[in-house]
Each structure stands twice: as C-alpha cells, then as structure tokens.
Amino acid sequence: MTEQLQELLDLETAPIAVTFHDAQPDGVSRVEKAEASGCTYWKRASEGKTFYTEASDHYNCPIGCYTHNVELPDAQMEELENTLGLMGELGYISMDEVPGIPRREDAFKNAVYAPLADTTDIPDVVLISGTPKQMMLLVEAATAAGIGTENGVMGRPTCAVIPAVMQSDKGASSLGCIGNRVYTALSDDDFYFAFPGKHIDALVKKLETIVNANRALEEYHQQRQAEI
C-alpha cells in the first residue's frame, strides 16, 4: 500500500507513521539525540530512520509538548509561557485561541516515528507532505473513502494536526507553520495531509480511482477549453 501510495502521487518525500505507546516499544532504538522540535522527528523518519522518543526528548519544543500532552518541568513550562507571550505580543496568536488548539487527551509516554514503508504496526497517524495537487488528490480520495476532513485546512501549530486526526478519526490538511518549515525544511510549495493509519487500505483504494478520474477529467477540460 505504501509503494502504491507513493507511485500514485509521485511523492518526493516518503510518508511517515507516528504511533504512540504506553511502554517502550520492543525492537526499536531510542532517538540518538533530542531535537529542537517535535516535528524534526518527522523529517528524520522521512529520511528513512525508525526510532522512538520519550517525553524528555520533546522538552526543546514547548508548543509541541502542549499539543502532544507532554508534562513539562518548571523551566520548560516557563519557556512555553514565554513563547506564547511572544506570539501574543507579535499579534501572531491570541491567548483566547490556545484552549481551542487540538491536544492529545492521554499523557505522552513514548512515540515511534518511522517511514510508513517500514512500519509493521498500524500507526495512529500517517503524515504526508507534498504539493497542492498531490494534497488535492489525497483529500478527494479521503472524502470518497468516508474519512474526509472535518477540520478544514489547519494552520498553526502544525503538530496539532496529529491530535486533530486522532480525535476526529478523519483526515486533516495542514498548511504548516513557520516553526515547522524551519525545523523540517519543508518547501514553500508543500503542505501536509494526515489521516488515521487504520484507514490506509480504504484511502489507497479510492486514491487509485481518484487519480485515474483526474487524468480523464484533465483531458476533458483541456479539450473543452480548446473548443470554446
């Protein structure tokens, strides 16, 4: 399914899987170092690495800790408050918006990040990055598969797409945020689509139909445009 997904969309970046665990997962090594952001782990997984993180591996990312429900020590909690304060001063976000940001309900313990192709368990969330056309095809396929987005197109913070998908059991698009684009080197031309891993078979089945339909419709519209 992963190979078919990549081939149908002609993806340049490998889809990744995120799976949360209550205990340390067997047969998976812990990440070598704590990164600057939680979404940096997405980038590492897309580069072919499989690893797990513990709560402390996310302390450098106070916003990600909030969305993933990581309990923060006092120093990191102060950094979160300072970061939110700065965002508020810049007019980037209103403090009234914070309670509405999607957040995991369960306290964070461990998470496995891996290329989707290397994942043996059913992941909680599959993340795909690509061009607007690629994401268009995914959203159309998700809608056809009955897991179409309930959240519309999400914005900041990008990491909130993970709890949003888990809570809704639906797909979600995210335009990303400036932090994510810095830490993951996401292209200015790309954004994200995420969906529950348990629905991958249904999504890919519909994706094949949607891709073929779009090819036929492209020819139809091109011919129609030439005739008018």
C-alpha atoms as a PDB file:
ATOM      1  CA  MET A   1       0.000   0.000   0.000  1.00  0.00           C
ATOM      2  CA  THR A   2       2.852   2.375   0.793  1.00  0.00           C
ATOM      3  CA  GLU A   3       4.503   1.790  -2.587  1.00  0.00           C
ATOM      4  CA  GLN A   4       1.183   2.262  -4.331  1.00  0.00           C
ATOM      5  CA  LEU A   5       0.563   5.465  -2.383  1.00  0.00           C
ATOM      6  CA  GLN A   6       3.921   6.921  -3.383  1.00  0.00           C
ATOM      7  CA  GLU A   7       3.581   5.857  -7.001  1.00  0.00           C
ATOM      8  CA  LEU A   8       0.056   7.203  -7.428  1.00  0.00           C
ATOM      9  CA  LEU A   9       1.054  10.598  -6.037  1.00  0.00           C
ATOM     10  CA  ASP A  10       4.642  10.637  -7.331  1.00  0.00           C
ATOM     11  CA  LEU A  11       5.813  11.749  -3.889  1.00  0.00           C
ATOM     12  CA  GLU A  12       9.330  13.056  -3.395  1.00  0.00           C
ATOM     13  CA  THR A  13       9.178  12.747   0.400  1.00  0.00           C
ATOM     14  CA  ALA A  14       8.354   9.412   1.993  1.00  0.00           C
ATOM     15  CA  PRO A  15       5.136   9.208   4.050  1.00  0.00           C
ATOM     16  CA  ILE A  16       5.778   8.662   7.734  1.00  0.00           C
ATOM     17  CA  ALA A  17       3.982   6.882  10.555  1.00  0.00           C
ATOM     18  CA  VAL A  18       3.551   8.064  14.142  1.00  0.00           C
ATOM     19  CA  THR A  19       2.457   5.551  16.766  1.00  0.00           C
ATOM     20  CA  PHE A  20       2.048   6.241  20.477  1.00  0.00           C
ATOM     21  CA  HIS A  21       2.895   3.631  23.132  1.00  0.00           C
ATOM     22  CA  ASP A  22       2.398   3.393  26.876  1.00  0.00           C
ATOM     23  CA  ALA A  23       5.654   1.443  27.281  1.00  0.00           C
ATOM     24  CA  GLN A  24       8.991   1.446  25.488  1.00  0.00           C
ATOM     25  CA  PRO A  25       8.451  -0.413  22.194  1.00  0.00           C
ATOM     26  CA  ASP A  26      10.328  -3.645  21.614  1.00  0.00           C
ATOM     27  CA  GLY A  27      12.884  -3.816  18.836  1.00  0.00           C
ATOM     28  CA  VAL A  28      13.128  -0.058  18.317  1.00  0.00           C
ATOM     29  CA  SER A  29      16.021   2.134  19.433  1.00  0.00           C
ATOM     30  CA  ARG A  30      15.546   5.427  21.190  1.00  0.00           C
ATOM     31  CA  VAL A  31      16.321   8.542  19.160  1.00  0.00           C
ATOM     32  CA  GLU A  32      20.019   9.411  19.316  1.00  0.00           C
ATOM     33  CA  LYS A  33      19.533  12.994  20.464  1.00  0.00           C
ATOM     34  CA  ALA A  34      16.767  15.338  21.480  1.00  0.00           C
ATOM     35  CA  GLU A  35      15.872  17.587  18.549  1.00  0.00           C
ATOM     36  CA  ALA A  36      14.894  21.246  18.555  1.00  0.00           C
ATOM     37  CA  SER A  37      11.274  20.452  17.726  1.00  0.00           C
ATOM     38  CA  GLY A  38       8.870  17.539  17.731  1.00  0.00           C
ATOM     39  CA  CYS A  39       8.282  17.909  14.006  1.00  0.00           C
ATOM     40  CA  THR A  40      12.008  17.472  13.381  1.00  0.00           C
ATOM     41  CA  TYR A  41      11.347  13.816  14.169  1.00  0.00           C
ATOM     42  CA  TRP A  42       9.002  13.778  11.172  1.00  0.00           C
ATOM     43  CA  LYS A  43      11.909  14.811   8.983  1.00  0.00           C
ATOM     44  CA  ARG A  44      14.193  12.142  10.436  1.00  0.00           C
ATOM     45  CA  ALA A  45      11.581   9.462   9.779  1.00  0.00           C
ATOM     46  CA  SER A  46      11.079  10.665   6.193  1.00  0.00           C
ATOM     47  CA  GLU A  47      14.827  10.229   5.721  1.00  0.00           C
ATOM     48  CA  GLY A  48      14.484   6.519   6.479  1.00  0.00           C
ATOM     49  CA  LYS A  49      15.076   6.321  10.232  1.00  0.00           C
ATOM     50  CA  THR A  50      12.941   4.374  12.704  1.00  0.00           C
ATOM     51  CA  PHE A  51      13.161   5.282  16.400  1.00  0.00           C
ATOM     52  CA  TYR A  52      11.130   6.093  19.468  1.00  0.00           C
ATOM     53  CA  THR A  53      11.066   9.116  21.718  1.00  0.00           C
ATOM     54  CA  GLU A  54      10.338   9.618  25.370  1.00  0.00           C
ATOM     55  CA  ALA A  55       8.727  12.669  26.921  1.00  0.00           C
ATOM     56  CA  SER A  56      12.078  14.309  27.699  1.00  0.00           C
ATOM     57  CA  ASP A  57      13.054  14.115  24.022  1.00  0.00           C
ATOM     58  CA  HIS A  58      10.368  16.726  23.347  1.00  0.00           C
ATOM     59  CA  TYR A  59      11.289  19.261  26.033  1.00  0.00           C
ATOM     60  CA  ASN A  60      13.011  21.533  23.488  1.00  0.00           C
ATOM     61  CA  CYS A  61       9.661  22.078  21.772  1.00  0.00           C
ATOM     62  CA  PRO A  62       7.235  23.706  24.222  1.00  0.00           C
ATOM     63  CA  ILE A  63       4.449  24.134  21.664  1.00  0.00           C
ATOM     64  CA  GLY A  64       4.769  20.512  20.561  1.00  0.00           C
ATOM     65  CA  CYS A  65       4.713  19.463  24.204  1.00  0.00           C
ATOM     66  CA  TYR A  66       1.403  21.271  24.590  1.00  0.00           C
ATOM     67  CA  THR A  67      -0.230  19.590  21.569  1.00  0.00           C
ATOM     68  CA  HIS A  68       1.165  16.160  22.474  1.00  0.00           C
ATOM     69  CA  ASN A  69       0.336  16.479  26.183  1.00  0.00           C
ATOM     70  CA  VAL A  70       3.910  16.162  27.411  1.00  0.00           C
ATOM     71  CA  GLU A  71       4.212  17.083  31.082  1.00  0.00           C
ATOM     72  CA  LEU A  72       6.812  19.835  31.295  1.00  0.00           C
ATOM     73  CA  PRO A  73       9.298  20.579  34.075  1.00  0.00           C
ATOM     74  CA  ASP A  74       9.157  24.089  35.530  1.00  0.00           C
ATOM     75  CA  ALA A  75      11.899  25.507  33.271  1.00  0.00           C
ATOM     76  CA  GLN A  76      10.244  24.265  30.080  1.00  0.00           C
ATOM     77  CA  MET A  77       6.816  25.374  31.276  1.00  0.00           C
ATOM     78  CA  GLU A  78       8.239  28.851  31.709  1.00  0.00           C
ATOM     79  CA  GLU A  79       9.605  28.687  28.161  1.00  0.00           C
ATOM     80  CA  LEU A  80       6.162  27.685  26.869  1.00  0.00           C
ATOM     81  CA  GLU A  81       4.600  30.649  28.631  1.00  0.00           C
ATOM     82  CA  ASN A  82       7.305  32.963  27.262  1.00  0.00           C
ATOM     83  CA  THR A  83       6.869  31.594  23.733  1.00  0.00           C
ATOM     84  CA  LEU A  84       3.113  32.072  23.860  1.00  0.00           C
ATOM     85  CA  GLY A  85       3.685  35.532  25.310  1.00  0.00           C
ATOM     86  CA  LEU A  86       5.974  36.463  22.417  1.00  0.00           C
ATOM     87  CA  MET A  87       3.473  35.149  19.888  1.00  0.00           C
ATOM     88  CA  GLY A  88       0.797  37.232  21.559  1.00  0.00           C
ATOM     89  CA  GLU A  89       2.921  40.387  21.543  1.00  0.00           C
ATOM     90  CA  LEU A  90       3.633  39.913  17.840  1.00  0.00           C
ATOM     91  CA  GLY A  91      -0.059  39.537  17.099  1.00  0.00           C
ATOM     92  CA  TYR A  92       0.636  36.029  15.824  1.00  0.00           C
ATOM     93  CA  ILE A  93      -1.871  34.366  18.126  1.00  0.00           C
ATOM     94  CA  SER A  94      -4.409  35.425  20.706  1.00  0.00           C
ATOM     95  CA  MET A  95      -4.338  33.734  24.084  1.00  0.00           C
ATOM     96  CA  ASP A  96      -8.051  33.106  23.628  1.00  0.00           C
ATOM     97  CA  GLU A  97      -7.160  30.731  20.784  1.00  0.00           C
ATOM     98  CA  VAL A  98      -4.940  28.461  22.883  1.00  0.00           C
ATOM     99  CA  PRO A  99      -7.706  26.369  24.543  1.00  0.00           C
ATOM    100  CA  GLY A 100      -9.069  25.573  21.081  1.00  0.00           C
ATOM    101  CA  ILE A 101      -5.806  24.109  19.773  1.00  0.00           C
ATOM    102  CA  PRO A 102      -6.156  20.312  19.394  1.00  0.00           C
ATOM    103  CA  ARG A 103      -4.284  18.413  22.112  1.00  0.00           C
ATOM    104  CA  ARG A 104      -3.793  14.723  22.814  1.00  0.00           C
ATOM    105  CA  GLU A 105      -6.004  13.539  25.661  1.00  0.00           C
ATOM    106  CA  ASP A 106      -3.587  10.923  27.025  1.00  0.00           C
ATOM    107  CA  ALA A 107      -0.334  11.932  28.673  1.00  0.00           C
ATOM    108  CA  PHE A 108       2.657  11.377  26.403  1.00  0.00           C
ATOM    109  CA  LYS A 109       4.840   8.400  27.265  1.00  0.00           C
ATOM    110  CA  ASN A 110       6.526   7.054  24.106  1.00  0.00           C
ATOM    111  CA  ALA A 111       6.117   7.551  20.370  1.00  0.00           C
ATOM    112  CA  VAL A 112       7.571   5.652  17.424  1.00  0.00           C
ATOM    113  CA  TYR A 113       8.460   7.579  14.267  1.00  0.00           C
ATOM    114  CA  ALA A 114       9.161   5.582  11.118  1.00  0.00           C
ATOM    115  CA  PRO A 115       8.890   5.596   7.341  1.00  0.00           C
ATOM    116  CA  LEU A 116       5.429   4.243   6.560  1.00  0.00           C
ATOM    117  CA  ALA A 117       7.040   1.560   4.377  1.00  0.00           C
ATOM    118  CA  ASP A 118       8.942   0.185   7.385  1.00  0.00           C
ATOM    119  CA  THR A 119       6.008   0.162   9.785  1.00  0.00           C
ATOM    120  CA  THR A 120       4.667  -3.212  10.896  1.00  0.00           C
ATOM    121  CA  ASP A 121       2.052  -1.997  13.407  1.00  0.00           C
ATOM    122  CA  ILE A 122      -0.977   0.035  12.396  1.00  0.00           C
ATOM    123  CA  PRO A 123       0.120   3.624  13.061  1.00  0.00           C
ATOM    124  CA  ASP A 124      -2.029   6.140  14.874  1.00  0.00           C
ATOM    125  CA  VAL A 125      -1.346   8.776  12.248  1.00  0.00           C
ATOM    126  CA  VAL A 126       0.155   8.800   8.759  1.00  0.00           C
ATOM    127  CA  LEU A 127       1.702  12.086   7.636  1.00  0.00           C
ATOM    128  CA  ILE A 128       2.298  13.011   4.011  1.00  0.00           C
ATOM    129  CA  SER A 129       3.820  16.193   2.633  1.00  0.00           C
ATOM    130  CA  GLY A 130       3.533  17.295  -0.963  1.00  0.00           C
ATOM    131  CA  THR A 131       2.341  19.812  -3.488  1.00  0.00           C
ATOM    132  CA  PRO A 132      -1.167  21.299  -3.576  1.00  0.00           C
ATOM    133  CA  LYS A 133      -2.089  18.985  -6.468  1.00  0.00           C
ATOM    134  CA  GLN A 134      -0.892  15.909  -4.574  1.00  0.00           C
ATOM    135  CA  MET A 135      -2.777  17.020  -1.462  1.00  0.00           C
ATOM    136  CA  MET A 136      -5.858  17.735  -3.603  1.00  0.00           C
ATOM    137  CA  LEU A 137      -5.851  14.119  -4.764  1.00  0.00           C
ATOM    138  CA  LEU A 138      -5.451  12.862  -1.209  1.00  0.00           C
ATOM    139  CA  VAL A 139      -8.306  14.988   0.111  1.00  0.00           C
ATOM    140  CA  GLU A 140     -10.573  13.840  -2.714  1.00  0.00           C
ATOM    141  CA  ALA A 141      -9.653  10.220  -2.003  1.00  0.00           C
ATOM    142  CA  ALA A 142     -10.220  10.682   1.730  1.00  0.00           C
ATOM    143  CA  THR A 143     -13.645  12.157   1.057  1.00  0.00           C
ATOM    144  CA  ALA A 144     -14.512   9.243  -1.232  1.00  0.00           C
ATOM    145  CA  ALA A 145     -13.309   6.812   1.445  1.00  0.00           C
ATOM    146  CA  GLY A 146     -15.518   8.386   4.098  1.00  0.00           C
ATOM    147  CA  ILE A 147     -12.656   9.842   6.112  1.00  0.00           C
ATOM    148  CA  GLY A 148     -12.830  13.294   4.578  1.00  0.00           C
ATOM    149  CA  THR A 149     -11.635  16.238   6.595  1.00  0.00           C
ATOM    150  CA  GLU A 150     -13.764  17.688   9.370  1.00  0.00           C
ATOM    151  CA  ASN A 151     -11.158  20.262  10.359  1.00  0.00           C
ATOM    152  CA  GLY A 152     -10.910  22.103   7.052  1.00  0.00           C
ATOM    153  CA  VAL A 153      -7.381  23.326   6.383  1.00  0.00           C
ATOM    154  CA  MET A 154      -5.449  23.729   9.611  1.00  0.00           C
ATOM    155  CA  GLY A 155      -2.761  26.269  10.280  1.00  0.00           C
ATOM    156  CA  ARG A 156      -0.561  26.896  13.282  1.00  0.00           C
ATOM    157  CA  PRO A 157       0.764  24.918  15.042  1.00  0.00           C
ATOM    158  CA  THR A 158       1.434  22.156  12.538  1.00  0.00           C
ATOM    159  CA  CYS A 159       1.876  19.498  15.228  1.00  0.00           C
ATOM    160  CA  ALA A 160      -1.775  19.989  16.260  1.00  0.00           C
ATOM    161  CA  VAL A 161      -2.761  18.009  13.166  1.00  0.00           C
ATOM    162  CA  ILE A 162      -1.784  14.797  14.975  1.00  0.00           C
ATOM    163  CA  PRO A 163      -4.242  15.099  17.888  1.00  0.00           C
ATOM    164  CA  ALA A 164      -6.855  16.526  15.496  1.00  0.00           C
ATOM    165  CA  VAL A 165      -6.713  13.365  13.390  1.00  0.00           C
ATOM    166  CA  MET A 166      -6.723  11.074  16.416  1.00  0.00           C
ATOM    167  CA  GLN A 167      -9.719  12.794  17.977  1.00  0.00           C
ATOM    168  CA  SER A 168     -11.829  13.059  14.833  1.00  0.00           C
ATOM    169  CA  ASP A 169     -10.839   9.737  13.228  1.00  0.00           C
ATOM    170  CA  LYS A 170     -10.749  11.757   9.990  1.00  0.00           C
ATOM    171  CA  GLY A 171      -8.088  13.138   7.700  1.00  0.00           C
ATOM    172  CA  ALA A 172      -6.835  16.698   8.059  1.00  0.00           C
ATOM    173  CA  SER A 173      -4.836  19.095   5.908  1.00  0.00           C
ATOM    174  CA  SER A 174      -2.311  21.466   7.450  1.00  0.00           C
ATOM    175  CA  LEU A 175      -0.662  24.406   5.759  1.00  0.00           C
ATOM    176  CA  GLY A 176       2.182  24.141   8.232  1.00  0.00           C
ATOM    177  CA  CYS A 177       3.608  26.951  10.326  1.00  0.00           C
ATOM    178  CA  ILE A 178       6.842  28.898  10.227  1.00  0.00           C
ATOM    179  CA  GLY A 179       8.401  26.829  13.004  1.00  0.00           C
ATOM    180  CA  ASN A 180       7.661  23.595  11.201  1.00  0.00           C
ATOM    181  CA  ARG A 181       9.023  24.979   7.927  1.00  0.00           C
ATOM    182  CA  VAL A 182      12.273  25.995   9.636  1.00  0.00           C
ATOM    183  CA  TYR A 183      12.776  22.751  11.558  1.00  0.00           C
ATOM    184  CA  THR A 184      11.763  20.354   8.755  1.00  0.00           C
ATOM    185  CA  ALA A 185      12.973  22.402   5.747  1.00  0.00           C
ATOM    186  CA  LEU A 186       9.507  21.942   4.235  1.00  0.00           C
ATOM    187  CA  SER A 187       9.352  23.516   0.795  1.00  0.00           C
ATOM    188  CA  ASP A 188       7.386  26.733   0.418  1.00  0.00           C
ATOM    189  CA  ASP A 189       5.367  24.879  -2.231  1.00  0.00           C
ATOM    190  CA  ASP A 190       4.333  21.975   0.036  1.00  0.00           C
ATOM    191  CA  PHE A 191       1.946  21.322   2.878  1.00  0.00           C
ATOM    192  CA  TYR A 192       0.605  18.310   4.806  1.00  0.00           C
ATOM    193  CA  PHE A 193      -2.181  15.788   4.844  1.00  0.00           C
ATOM    194  CA  ALA A 194      -2.598  13.423   7.786  1.00  0.00           C
ATOM    195  CA  PHE A 195      -5.014  10.548   8.357  1.00  0.00           C
ATOM    196  CA  PRO A 196      -5.591   7.629  10.758  1.00  0.00           C
ATOM    197  CA  GLY A 197      -3.316   4.749   9.826  1.00  0.00           C
ATOM    198  CA  LYS A 198      -6.111   2.203  10.171  1.00  0.00           C
ATOM    199  CA  HIS A 199      -7.787   3.680   7.088  1.00  0.00           C
ATOM    200  CA  ILE A 200      -4.840   3.372   4.704  1.00  0.00           C
ATOM    201  CA  ASP A 201      -6.292   0.459   2.696  1.00  0.00           C
ATOM    202  CA  ALA A 202      -9.551   2.292   2.045  1.00  0.00           C
ATOM    203  CA  LEU A 203      -7.748   5.518   1.219  1.00  0.00           C
ATOM    204  CA  VAL A 204      -5.325   3.983  -1.275  1.00  0.00           C
ATOM    205  CA  LYS A 205      -8.148   2.042  -2.954  1.00  0.00           C
ATOM    206  CA  LYS A 206     -10.056   5.283  -3.516  1.00  0.00           C
ATOM    207  CA  LEU A 207      -6.881   7.154  -4.434  1.00  0.00           C
ATOM    208  CA  GLU A 208      -6.318   4.955  -7.464  1.00  0.00           C
ATOM    209  CA  THR A 209      -9.822   5.754  -8.680  1.00  0.00           C
ATOM    210  CA  ILE A 210      -9.396   9.471  -7.989  1.00  0.00           C
ATOM    211  CA  VAL A 211      -6.033   9.695  -9.775  1.00  0.00           C
ATOM    212  CA  ASN A 212      -7.410   7.947 -12.864  1.00  0.00           C
ATOM    213  CA  ALA A 213     -10.527  10.108 -12.799  1.00  0.00           C
ATOM    214  CA  ASN A 214      -8.466  13.291 -12.596  1.00  0.00           C
ATOM    215  CA  ARG A 215      -6.373  12.231 -15.573  1.00  0.00           C
ATOM    216  CA  ALA A 216      -9.503  11.670 -17.636  1.00  0.00           C
ATOM    217  CA  LEU A 217     -11.064  14.922 -16.457  1.00  0.00           C
ATOM    218  CA  GLU A 218      -7.887  16.826 -17.238  1.00  0.00           C
ATOM    219  CA  GLU A 219      -8.096  15.664 -20.848  1.00  0.00           C
ATOM    220  CA  TYR A 220     -11.801  16.519 -20.923  1.00  0.00           C
ATOM    221  CA  HIS A 221     -11.255  20.067 -19.613  1.00  0.00           C
ATOM    222  CA  GLN A 222      -8.293  20.659 -21.908  1.00  0.00           C
ATOM    223  CA  GLN A 223     -10.332  19.589 -24.935  1.00  0.00           C
ATOM    224  CA  ARG A 224     -13.298  21.681 -23.797  1.00  0.00           C
ATOM    225  CA  GLN A 225     -11.076  24.716 -23.292  1.00  0.00           C
ATOM    226  CA  ALA A 226      -9.643  24.330 -26.799  1.00  0.00           C
ATOM    227  CA  GLU A 227     -13.123  24.097 -28.336  1.00  0.00           C
ATOM    228  CA  ILE A 228     -14.624  27.141 -26.652  1.00  0.00           C
END
